[in-house]
Protein backbone atom coordinates (compact mmCIF):
# COMPACT_ATOMS: atom_id res chain seq x y z
CA MET A 1 -42.97 -37.45 -38.45
CA LYS A 2 -40.64 -34.52 -37.80
CA MET A 3 -40.50 -35.51 -34.14
CA ILE A 4 -39.43 -39.08 -35.05
CA LYS A 5 -36.71 -37.74 -37.38
CA THR A 6 -35.52 -35.37 -34.64
CA VAL A 7 -35.34 -38.21 -32.09
CA MET A 8 -33.47 -40.44 -34.55
CA THR A 9 -31.02 -37.62 -35.35
CA GLU A 10 -30.38 -36.98 -31.67
CA GLU A 11 -29.84 -40.69 -31.01
CA GLY A 12 -27.43 -40.91 -33.94
CA SER A 13 -25.41 -37.91 -32.81
CA SER A 14 -25.41 -39.24 -29.23
CA TRP A 15 -24.07 -42.61 -30.48
CA LYS A 16 -21.32 -40.87 -32.47
CA ARG A 17 -20.32 -38.78 -29.44
CA GLY A 18 -20.26 -41.91 -27.32
CA MET A 19 -18.07 -43.69 -29.88
CA LYS A 20 -15.61 -40.79 -30.02
CA GLU A 21 -15.39 -40.55 -26.23
CA GLU A 22 -14.92 -44.30 -25.91
CA MET A 23 -12.25 -44.31 -28.61
CA LYS A 24 -10.30 -41.77 -26.56
CA LYS A 25 -10.66 -43.90 -23.41
CA VAL A 26 -9.65 -47.12 -25.18
CA GLY A 27 -6.76 -45.41 -26.94
CA ALA A 28 -5.50 -43.95 -23.67
CA ILE A 29 -5.16 -47.50 -22.31
CA ALA A 30 -4.30 -49.47 -25.46
CA ALA A 31 -1.45 -47.30 -26.80
CA PRO A 32 0.64 -47.26 -23.59
CA MET A 33 -0.17 -50.95 -22.96
CA VAL A 34 1.28 -51.80 -26.38
CA VAL A 35 4.47 -49.92 -25.49
CA ALA A 36 4.70 -51.61 -22.07
CA SER A 37 4.13 -55.12 -23.46
CA VAL A 38 6.70 -54.61 -26.25
CA LEU A 39 9.30 -53.38 -23.72
CA GLN A 40 8.67 -56.41 -21.49
CA TYR A 41 8.86 -58.79 -24.46
CA LEU A 42 12.23 -57.33 -25.49
CA LEU A 43 13.85 -58.54 -22.25
CA GLN A 44 13.93 -62.12 -23.52
CA VAL A 45 14.88 -60.97 -27.03
CA VAL A 46 17.93 -59.14 -25.65
CA SER A 47 18.99 -62.21 -23.67
CA LEU A 48 18.73 -64.41 -26.77
CA MET A 49 20.63 -61.90 -28.91
CA MET A 50 23.47 -61.68 -26.38
CA VAL A 51 23.76 -65.46 -26.09
CA GLY A 52 23.62 -65.80 -29.89
CA HIS A 53 27.07 -64.18 -30.07
CA LEU A 54 28.64 -66.90 -27.90
CA ASN A 55 28.32 -70.22 -29.73
CA GLN A 56 25.73 -72.47 -31.35
CA LEU A 57 25.39 -74.69 -28.26
CA SER A 58 24.50 -71.75 -26.02
CA LEU A 59 22.05 -70.35 -28.56
CA SER A 60 20.30 -73.71 -29.05
CA SER A 61 20.05 -74.45 -25.33
CA VAL A 62 18.77 -70.96 -24.45
CA ALA A 63 16.25 -71.04 -27.32
CA ILE A 64 14.85 -74.37 -26.09
CA ALA A 65 14.93 -73.29 -22.43
CA THR A 66 13.20 -70.00 -23.23
CA SER A 67 10.47 -71.78 -25.17
CA LEU A 68 9.85 -74.40 -22.48
CA THR A 69 9.99 -72.00 -19.53
CA ASN A 70 7.51 -69.74 -21.29
CA VAL A 71 5.16 -72.62 -22.05
CA SER A 72 5.37 -74.31 -18.65
CA GLY A 73 5.86 -71.31 -16.37
CA PHE A 74 5.59 -67.69 -17.39
CA SER A 75 2.55 -68.20 -19.65
CA VAL A 76 0.76 -70.06 -16.84
CA LEU A 77 1.35 -67.21 -14.38
CA SER A 78 0.36 -64.61 -16.95
CA GLY A 79 -2.81 -66.52 -17.76
CA MET A 80 -3.76 -66.96 -14.12
CA ALA A 81 -3.21 -63.26 -13.44
CA GLY A 82 -5.94 -62.67 -16.03
CA GLY A 83 -8.43 -63.61 -13.30
CA LEU A 84 -7.70 -60.21 -11.75
CA GLU A 85 -8.98 -58.51 -14.88
CA THR A 86 -12.42 -59.76 -13.86
CA LEU A 87 -12.21 -59.32 -10.10
CA CYS A 88 -10.07 -56.18 -9.79
CA GLY A 89 -11.59 -54.51 -12.84
CA GLN A 90 -15.15 -54.93 -11.62
CA ALA A 91 -14.25 -54.05 -8.01
CA PHE A 92 -12.57 -50.83 -9.20
CA GLY A 93 -15.57 -49.93 -11.36
CA ALA A 94 -17.86 -50.48 -8.37
CA GLY A 95 -15.64 -48.36 -6.11
CA GLN A 96 -14.85 -51.30 -3.80
CA TYR A 97 -11.19 -50.42 -3.30
CA GLU A 98 -10.60 -52.64 -0.28
CA LYS A 99 -11.68 -55.71 -2.26
CA PHE A 100 -9.54 -54.48 -5.14
CA GLY A 101 -6.44 -54.55 -2.94
CA LEU A 102 -7.37 -57.88 -1.33
CA TYR A 103 -7.80 -59.54 -4.73
CA THR A 104 -4.27 -58.42 -5.66
CA TYR A 105 -2.80 -59.94 -2.48
CA THR A 106 -4.76 -63.14 -3.13
CA ALA A 107 -3.35 -63.39 -6.66
CA ILE A 108 0.24 -62.94 -5.44
CA ILE A 109 -0.22 -65.71 -2.86
CA SER A 110 -1.84 -68.06 -5.38
CA LEU A 111 0.76 -67.51 -8.11
CA SER A 112 3.61 -67.96 -5.62
CA LEU A 113 2.17 -71.34 -4.59
CA VAL A 114 1.78 -72.39 -8.24
CA SER A 115 5.43 -71.48 -8.85
CA ILE A 116 6.60 -74.26 -6.49
CA PRO A 117 5.60 -77.26 -8.68
CA ILE A 118 6.82 -75.37 -11.76
CA THR A 119 10.22 -75.02 -10.05
CA ILE A 120 10.34 -78.79 -9.49
CA LEU A 121 9.53 -79.35 -13.17
CA TRP A 122 12.34 -77.03 -14.29
CA THR A 123 14.79 -78.84 -11.99
CA PHE A 124 14.32 -82.01 -14.06
CA LEU A 125 14.19 -80.22 -17.41
CA ASP A 126 17.27 -81.99 -18.78
CA LYS A 127 15.79 -85.44 -18.13
CA ILE A 128 12.53 -84.43 -19.79
CA LEU A 129 14.34 -83.14 -22.87
CA ILE A 130 16.49 -86.27 -23.15
CA LEU A 131 13.34 -88.43 -22.96
CA CYS A 132 11.97 -86.33 -25.84
CA GLY A 133 15.04 -87.18 -27.93
CA GLN A 134 17.01 -83.94 -27.49
CA ASP A 135 20.80 -83.83 -27.45
CA PRO A 136 22.11 -84.51 -23.88
CA MET A 137 24.54 -81.57 -23.95
CA ILE A 138 21.87 -79.12 -25.12
CA SER A 139 19.46 -80.53 -22.52
CA LEU A 140 21.97 -80.05 -19.70
CA GLN A 141 22.71 -76.45 -20.70
CA ALA A 142 18.99 -75.73 -21.07
CA ARG A 143 18.38 -77.04 -17.54
CA LYS A 144 21.16 -74.82 -16.18
CA TYR A 145 19.59 -71.78 -17.83
CA ALA A 146 16.13 -72.70 -16.49
CA ILE A 147 17.48 -73.13 -12.95
CA TRP A 148 18.78 -69.56 -12.96
CA LEU A 149 15.36 -68.37 -14.21
CA ILE A 150 13.63 -69.66 -11.06
CA PRO A 151 14.10 -66.32 -9.23
CA ALA A 152 12.44 -64.64 -12.22
CA LEU A 153 9.54 -67.10 -11.91
CA PHE A 154 8.84 -66.10 -8.31
CA GLY A 155 9.38 -62.45 -9.23
CA SER A 156 6.77 -62.87 -11.97
CA ALA A 157 4.35 -64.27 -9.37
CA ILE A 158 4.37 -60.74 -7.94
CA LEU A 159 4.93 -58.79 -11.16
CA LYS A 160 1.98 -60.28 -13.10
CA PRO A 161 -0.63 -59.33 -10.45
CA LEU A 162 1.01 -55.92 -10.07
CA THR A 163 0.64 -55.21 -13.80
CA ARG A 164 -3.08 -56.07 -13.54
CA PHE A 165 -3.27 -53.87 -10.43
CA PHE A 166 -2.15 -50.91 -12.56
CA GLN A 167 -3.95 -51.96 -15.75
CA THR A 168 -7.41 -52.24 -14.18
CA GLN A 169 -7.00 -48.71 -12.76
CA SER A 170 -5.86 -47.44 -16.19
CA LEU A 171 -2.49 -46.50 -14.64
CA ILE A 172 -0.31 -47.58 -17.55
CA PHE A 173 2.46 -44.98 -17.63
CA PRO A 174 4.15 -46.25 -14.44
CA MET A 175 4.52 -49.61 -16.20
CA ILE A 176 6.02 -47.95 -19.27
CA LEU A 177 8.56 -46.04 -17.19
CA SER A 178 9.56 -49.07 -15.13
CA SER A 179 9.72 -51.37 -18.19
CA ALA A 180 11.86 -48.88 -20.13
CA ALA A 181 14.25 -48.40 -17.21
CA VAL A 182 14.51 -52.15 -16.64
CA LEU A 183 15.15 -52.85 -20.34
CA CYS A 184 18.00 -50.33 -20.47
CA PHE A 185 19.46 -51.78 -17.28
CA HIS A 186 19.07 -55.31 -18.65
CA VAL A 187 21.07 -54.53 -21.80
CA VAL A 188 24.01 -53.30 -19.73
CA THR A 189 23.77 -55.98 -17.03
CA CYS A 190 23.39 -58.83 -19.51
CA TRP A 191 26.39 -57.64 -21.55
CA ILE A 192 28.59 -57.39 -18.43
CA LEU A 193 27.58 -60.80 -17.05
CA VAL A 194 27.73 -62.64 -20.39
CA PHE A 195 30.90 -61.17 -21.88
CA LYS A 196 32.90 -59.30 -19.25
CA LEU A 197 32.44 -61.76 -16.37
CA ASP A 198 32.42 -64.77 -18.75
CA LEU A 199 29.28 -66.28 -17.24
CA GLY A 200 27.95 -67.14 -20.69
CA HIS A 201 24.30 -68.07 -21.04
CA VAL A 202 23.97 -68.38 -17.25
CA GLY A 203 24.80 -64.67 -17.05
CA ALA A 204 21.85 -63.90 -19.34
CA ALA A 205 19.50 -65.84 -17.03
CA ILE A 206 20.86 -64.08 -13.94
CA ALA A 207 20.44 -60.67 -15.60
CA PHE A 208 16.86 -61.50 -16.60
CA SER A 209 15.95 -62.68 -13.09
CA PHE A 210 17.53 -59.62 -11.52
CA CYS A 211 15.65 -57.29 -13.85
CA VAL A 212 12.30 -58.94 -13.13
CA TRP A 213 12.80 -58.22 -9.43
CA LEU A 214 13.96 -54.68 -10.23
CA ASN A 215 10.69 -54.15 -12.10
CA VAL A 216 8.79 -55.45 -9.07
CA MET A 217 10.63 -53.06 -6.75
CA LEU A 218 9.98 -50.06 -9.00
CA LEU A 219 6.25 -50.77 -9.26
CA LEU A 220 5.93 -51.45 -5.53
CA SER A 221 7.66 -48.14 -4.84
CA PHE A 222 5.11 -46.38 -7.03
CA VAL A 223 2.24 -48.10 -5.17
CA ARG A 224 3.79 -47.12 -1.84
CA TYR A 225 4.50 -43.45 -2.53
CA SER A 226 2.17 -42.32 -5.34
CA SER A 227 -1.04 -40.48 -4.52
CA ALA A 228 -2.65 -42.20 -7.54
CA CYS A 229 -2.83 -45.39 -5.45
CA ASN A 230 -4.22 -43.81 -2.28
CA ASN A 231 -7.59 -45.55 -2.62
CA THR A 232 -6.33 -48.99 -3.66
CA ARG A 233 -3.25 -49.12 -1.40
CA ILE A 234 -4.38 -51.18 1.59
CA PRO A 235 -2.45 -53.13 4.26
CA PHE A 236 -2.22 -56.90 4.01
CA SER A 237 -5.07 -58.79 5.66
CA ASN A 238 -5.80 -62.44 6.39
CA LYS A 239 -8.93 -61.99 4.27
CA ALA A 240 -6.67 -62.34 1.24
CA LEU A 241 -6.13 -66.00 2.15
CA LEU A 242 -9.87 -66.61 2.24
CA GLY A 243 -10.26 -65.39 -1.33
CA VAL A 244 -7.93 -67.95 -2.92
CA GLY A 245 -10.81 -70.23 -3.94
CA GLU A 246 -12.75 -67.41 -5.59
CA PHE A 247 -9.64 -66.18 -7.42
CA LEU A 248 -8.83 -69.67 -8.73
CA ARG A 249 -12.34 -69.99 -10.18
CA TYR A 250 -11.38 -67.26 -12.64
CA ALA A 251 -7.60 -67.73 -12.75
CA VAL A 252 -7.52 -71.41 -13.77
CA PRO A 253 -9.81 -71.12 -16.83
CA SER A 254 -8.04 -67.86 -17.72
CA ALA A 255 -4.69 -69.69 -17.71
CA VAL A 256 -6.15 -72.57 -19.72
CA MET A 257 -7.57 -70.11 -22.25
CA VAL A 258 -4.14 -68.47 -22.71
CA CYS A 259 -2.04 -71.63 -22.70
CA LEU A 260 -4.09 -73.88 -24.98
CA LYS A 261 -3.33 -71.91 -28.15
CA TRP A 262 0.30 -71.34 -27.12
CA TRP A 263 0.77 -75.05 -26.54
CA ALA A 264 -0.94 -75.91 -29.84
CA CYS A 265 1.52 -73.70 -31.76
CA GLU A 266 4.48 -75.25 -29.95
CA ILE A 267 3.19 -78.77 -30.71
CA LEU A 268 2.96 -77.99 -34.42
CA VAL A 269 6.50 -76.51 -34.44
CA LEU A 270 7.80 -79.68 -32.78
CA LEU A 271 5.96 -81.80 -35.35
CA ALA A 272 7.85 -79.95 -38.10
CA GLY A 273 10.98 -81.71 -36.88
CA VAL A 274 9.60 -85.00 -38.23
CA PHE A 275 9.56 -83.84 -41.87
CA PRO A 276 12.30 -84.94 -44.33
CA ASN A 277 14.05 -81.54 -44.15
CA PRO A 278 13.47 -80.67 -40.47
CA LYS A 279 15.88 -77.72 -40.32
CA LEU A 280 14.10 -75.88 -43.14
CA GLU A 281 10.56 -76.69 -41.98
CA THR A 282 11.26 -75.88 -38.32
CA SER A 283 13.12 -72.67 -39.20
CA VAL A 284 10.25 -71.36 -41.33
CA LEU A 285 7.61 -72.21 -38.73
CA SER A 286 9.76 -70.63 -36.01
CA ILE A 287 10.08 -67.44 -38.07
CA CYS A 288 6.31 -67.31 -38.59
CA LEU A 289 5.70 -67.93 -34.88
CA THR A 290 8.23 -65.23 -33.93
CA ILE A 291 6.54 -62.66 -36.18
CA SER A 292 3.12 -63.67 -34.89
CA THR A 293 4.27 -63.40 -31.25
CA LEU A 294 5.85 -59.99 -31.85
CA HIS A 295 2.61 -58.72 -33.39
CA PHE A 296 0.60 -60.14 -30.50
CA THR A 297 2.28 -57.64 -28.17
CA ILE A 298 0.24 -55.03 -30.08
CA SER A 299 -2.97 -57.06 -30.03
CA TYR A 300 -2.49 -57.71 -26.32
CA GLY A 301 -2.66 -53.97 -25.70
CA PHE A 302 -6.10 -53.85 -27.35
CA GLY A 303 -7.23 -56.87 -25.33
CA ALA A 304 -6.02 -55.28 -22.08
CA ALA A 305 -7.82 -52.03 -22.95
CA VAL A 306 -11.18 -53.66 -23.67
CA SER A 307 -10.84 -55.93 -20.62
CA THR A 308 -10.32 -52.88 -18.40
CA ARG A 309 -13.17 -50.91 -19.95
CA VAL A 310 -15.61 -53.85 -19.87
CA SER A 311 -14.81 -54.86 -16.27
CA ASN A 312 -14.90 -51.26 -15.00
CA GLU A 313 -18.24 -50.50 -16.66
CA LEU A 314 -19.80 -53.81 -15.57
CA GLY A 315 -18.71 -53.08 -12.00
CA ALA A 316 -20.19 -49.58 -12.29
CA GLY A 317 -23.44 -51.04 -13.70
CA ASN A 318 -23.22 -49.42 -17.17
CA PRO A 319 -24.13 -52.09 -19.77
CA LYS A 320 -24.56 -49.54 -22.59
CA ALA A 321 -21.00 -48.33 -22.12
CA VAL A 322 -19.82 -51.95 -22.36
CA ARG A 323 -21.42 -52.37 -25.78
CA VAL A 324 -19.77 -49.19 -27.03
CA ALA A 325 -16.37 -50.25 -25.62
CA VAL A 326 -16.55 -53.63 -27.38
CA ALA A 327 -17.62 -52.08 -30.69
CA VAL A 328 -14.91 -49.41 -30.61
CA THR A 329 -12.10 -51.81 -29.72
CA MET A 330 -13.18 -54.30 -32.39
CA PHE A 331 -13.13 -51.49 -34.97
CA ILE A 332 -9.60 -50.51 -33.92
CA ALA A 333 -8.43 -54.14 -33.97
CA VAL A 334 -9.89 -54.79 -37.45
CA THR A 335 -8.27 -51.61 -38.80
CA GLU A 336 -4.87 -52.44 -37.29
CA GLY A 337 -5.10 -56.04 -38.47
CA LEU A 338 -5.83 -55.03 -42.06
CA ILE A 339 -2.93 -52.54 -42.09
CA VAL A 340 -0.44 -55.10 -40.74
CA CYS A 341 -1.69 -57.77 -43.17
CA ALA A 342 -1.26 -55.41 -46.11
CA MET A 343 2.28 -54.54 -44.98
CA LEU A 344 3.23 -58.20 -44.53
CA TYR A 345 1.86 -59.20 -47.90
CA GLY A 346 3.60 -56.29 -49.59
CA CYS A 347 6.95 -57.18 -48.00
CA ARG A 348 6.58 -60.95 -48.40
CA HIS A 349 9.52 -61.33 -50.80
CA VAL A 350 12.00 -59.55 -48.48
CA LEU A 351 10.56 -60.47 -45.11
CA GLY A 352 12.64 -63.63 -44.78
CA TYR A 353 15.92 -61.69 -45.11
CA ALA A 354 15.33 -60.27 -41.63
CA TYR A 355 15.94 -63.77 -40.25
CA SER A 356 18.07 -65.58 -42.83
CA ASN A 357 20.23 -65.06 -45.93
CA ASP A 358 19.29 -68.49 -47.27
CA ARG A 359 17.23 -67.96 -50.44
CA VAL A 360 15.29 -71.18 -49.88
CA VAL A 361 14.18 -69.97 -46.44
CA VAL A 362 13.34 -66.50 -47.81
CA HIS A 363 11.23 -68.02 -50.61
CA TYR A 364 9.47 -70.36 -48.16
CA VAL A 365 8.62 -67.41 -45.88
CA ALA A 366 7.21 -65.55 -48.91
CA VAL A 367 4.97 -68.56 -49.67
CA MET A 368 3.82 -68.65 -46.03
CA SER A 369 3.20 -64.88 -45.80
CA PRO A 370 -0.47 -64.87 -46.95
CA LEU A 371 -1.28 -67.51 -44.33
CA LEU A 372 0.76 -65.63 -41.74
CA ALA A 373 -1.14 -62.43 -42.54
CA LEU A 374 -4.47 -64.23 -42.13
CA SER A 375 -3.44 -65.68 -38.76
CA ILE A 376 -2.27 -62.25 -37.57
CA PHE A 377 -5.63 -60.75 -38.53
CA THR A 378 -7.50 -63.41 -36.56
CA ASP A 379 -5.08 -62.86 -33.65
CA SER A 380 -6.12 -59.20 -33.57
CA LEU A 381 -9.77 -60.23 -33.31
CA GLN A 382 -9.29 -62.97 -30.73
CA ALA A 383 -7.09 -60.75 -28.52
CA VAL A 384 -9.97 -58.30 -28.18
CA LEU A 385 -12.59 -61.03 -27.74
CA SER A 386 -10.43 -62.77 -25.12
CA GLY A 387 -10.12 -59.42 -23.36
CA VAL A 388 -13.92 -59.17 -23.32
CA ALA A 389 -14.06 -62.67 -21.80
CA ARG A 390 -11.58 -61.72 -19.04
CA GLY A 391 -13.37 -58.47 -18.29
CA SER A 392 -16.77 -60.18 -18.16
CA GLY A 393 -15.70 -63.22 -16.16
CA TRP A 394 -16.55 -65.97 -18.67
CA GLN A 395 -13.01 -67.29 -19.08
CA HIS A 396 -14.35 -70.84 -18.66
CA LEU A 397 -16.22 -70.50 -21.96
CA GLY A 398 -13.09 -69.12 -23.60
CA ALA A 399 -11.18 -72.18 -22.37
CA TYR A 400 -13.75 -74.53 -23.94
CA VAL A 401 -13.64 -72.53 -27.19
CA ASN A 402 -9.85 -72.75 -27.40
CA LEU A 403 -9.88 -76.44 -26.57
CA GLY A 404 -12.32 -77.18 -29.36
CA ALA A 405 -10.84 -74.73 -31.88
CA PHE A 406 -7.23 -75.91 -31.64
CA TYR A 407 -7.32 -79.49 -30.36
CA LEU A 408 -10.45 -80.74 -32.12
CA VAL A 409 -10.00 -78.68 -35.31
CA GLY A 410 -6.65 -76.87 -35.64
CA ILE A 411 -4.12 -79.58 -34.78
CA PRO A 412 -5.98 -82.41 -36.62
CA VAL A 413 -6.29 -80.23 -39.75
CA GLY A 414 -2.61 -79.27 -39.50
CA VAL A 415 -1.49 -82.90 -39.11
CA LEU A 416 -3.75 -84.03 -41.96
CA LEU A 417 -2.52 -81.37 -44.38
CA GLY A 418 1.09 -81.49 -43.21
CA PHE A 419 1.63 -85.26 -43.25
CA VAL A 420 -1.16 -86.81 -45.32
CA ALA A 421 -1.51 -84.10 -47.98
CA HIS A 422 2.28 -83.45 -47.85
CA TYR A 423 1.97 -79.67 -47.46
CA ARG A 424 4.51 -79.92 -44.62
CA ALA A 425 5.05 -76.64 -42.70
CA LYS A 426 2.45 -74.89 -44.84
CA GLY A 427 -0.10 -77.53 -43.88
CA LEU A 428 0.74 -77.21 -40.18
CA TRP A 429 0.30 -73.44 -40.32
CA ILE A 430 -3.01 -73.84 -42.17
CA GLY A 431 -4.06 -75.85 -39.10
CA ILE A 432 -3.17 -72.89 -36.84
CA VAL A 433 -5.09 -70.52 -39.13
CA THR A 434 -8.13 -72.82 -39.17
CA GLY A 435 -8.11 -73.06 -35.39
CA SER A 436 -7.80 -69.28 -35.09
CA ILE A 437 -10.75 -68.72 -37.45
CA VAL A 438 -12.94 -71.14 -35.48
CA GLN A 439 -11.82 -69.53 -32.22
CA SER A 440 -12.61 -66.00 -33.44
CA PHE A 441 -16.00 -67.06 -34.81
CA LEU A 442 -17.11 -68.77 -31.59
CA LEU A 443 -15.89 -65.96 -29.33
CA SER A 444 -17.64 -63.43 -31.60
CA LEU A 445 -20.86 -65.43 -31.35
CA ILE A 446 -20.68 -65.59 -27.55
CA THR A 447 -19.95 -61.86 -27.32
CA ALA A 448 -22.83 -61.00 -29.66
CA LEU A 449 -25.29 -63.12 -27.65
CA THR A 450 -24.24 -61.81 -24.24
CA ASN A 451 -26.91 -59.93 -22.30
CA TRP A 452 -24.78 -57.11 -20.89
CA LYS A 453 -27.55 -55.79 -18.64
CA LYS A 454 -27.69 -59.10 -16.77
CA GLN A 455 -23.89 -59.32 -16.77
CA ALA A 456 -23.73 -55.89 -15.10
CA MET A 457 -26.27 -56.98 -12.49
CA MET A 458 -24.29 -60.13 -11.73
CA ALA A 459 -21.01 -58.22 -11.57
CA ARG A 460 -22.51 -55.87 -8.97
CA GLU A 461 -23.85 -58.88 -7.08
CA ARG A 462 -20.41 -60.52 -7.17
CA ILE A 463 -18.76 -57.43 -5.71
CA PHE A 464 -21.34 -56.34 -3.12
CA VAL A 465 -22.75 -59.69 -1.93
CA ALA A 466 -20.56 -61.74 0.40
CA ASN A 467 -21.77 -65.08 -0.93
CA PRO A 468 -19.41 -67.06 -3.21
CA PRO A 469 -20.06 -66.67 -6.94
CA GLU A 470 -21.36 -70.18 -7.46
CA GLU A 471 -24.11 -69.65 -4.88
CA ASN A 472 -25.59 -66.65 -6.64
CA GLY A 473 -24.81 -67.73 -10.21
CA SER A 474 -22.53 -64.80 -11.02
CA ASN A 475 -19.86 -66.96 -12.58
CA HIS A 476 -22.15 -68.04 -15.40
CA ILE A 477 -22.68 -66.13 -18.60
CA THR A 478 -26.22 -65.16 -19.54
CA CYS A 479 -27.15 -64.73 -23.19
CA ALA A 480 -29.95 -62.73 -24.68
């Protein structure tokens, strides 16, 4: 009996030590990733703030152009780059540094090719907006802004894989330094181009594009000259072209997983324009979406951390460490989500003043705050669970989950409550919350049922066996 108690005590203390060690590892990735993602997000915020001091036409056109270019371009590239979190993360964990470098080259090639049809779409942005009933003048100015963002699009085709290159090696501080330097440079450059050279909103787009390429140059310089990248810095090889098919098998569902929720939120904001008081309803939904997006830069850091830890440990063949990493990151996400929710709810009556002095808007935001807090909490959970999906390589299941959660549940519920039950913007946001709850539940269920030992075996097989994933079954999730 004493022996059993001793064994149980030792196991308990071993589990606690493992949790503490893992919390340090996750924190070392998550905290700097949050800083890096916030700094990168502020680039577009600065551009919008600068343009906002010009005139209402410029602000409206840039706001629409920013939304559409994010939805149709930058989010697609960011989602596709998530395929590297599976391939590079597991290759790094397995010590296969040559494959790690080749996967990065493959991603850059693939994203550059995808940028070509996106460029064509942006070229006809004004015609698309006019067909959707937008003002012709706003549409024309939005197209002009989008045209000058095309260099940033192709820069992002390199930047997004580069960020995963650093992330999956847990080299986050180079990204913080480059992002901070670029943000400071962007503030000065944008101000000069917009106001001093009188380029207006076009100047903001030029400054943004230039700064994206500056970020690329800074990170490439670090890869070229830093000893931290000695193992993963390899010369370009034609083998990178042969891996496009394998990369797309993870990149496409990863992009779909990211974009489906983003598109669902944008659809519901557009639907708010149909209500009797469209300015009020759209403004409130836009404020809620802005707050939610800003918070997601924090949640994204947690997702990136767990993705890196899961992929590295699967590649190294350590399923027990994967379980601990998932548990620790979920605990951190739940804690952070509860703190933010409490702060939002406590500040609900003054929160709206950060965006408007209109008392009607402020009151409406206060009414929406409990729902906003709930959606932010579920965002914290799904960011971590989506990170687990990317690290494990079952993005295709995440894509199906998001499709069902938001397009079979979320949007129909939002439309029903918003238009039929006459809850308007509140009803639409309830639809987003409902979809997020379903999404979090299904992803939690899949994560709980995953057999990590078999996942580790298949990850090792994917990295060390030359056969394509579909021939050996390594692109399919196995549940206990």
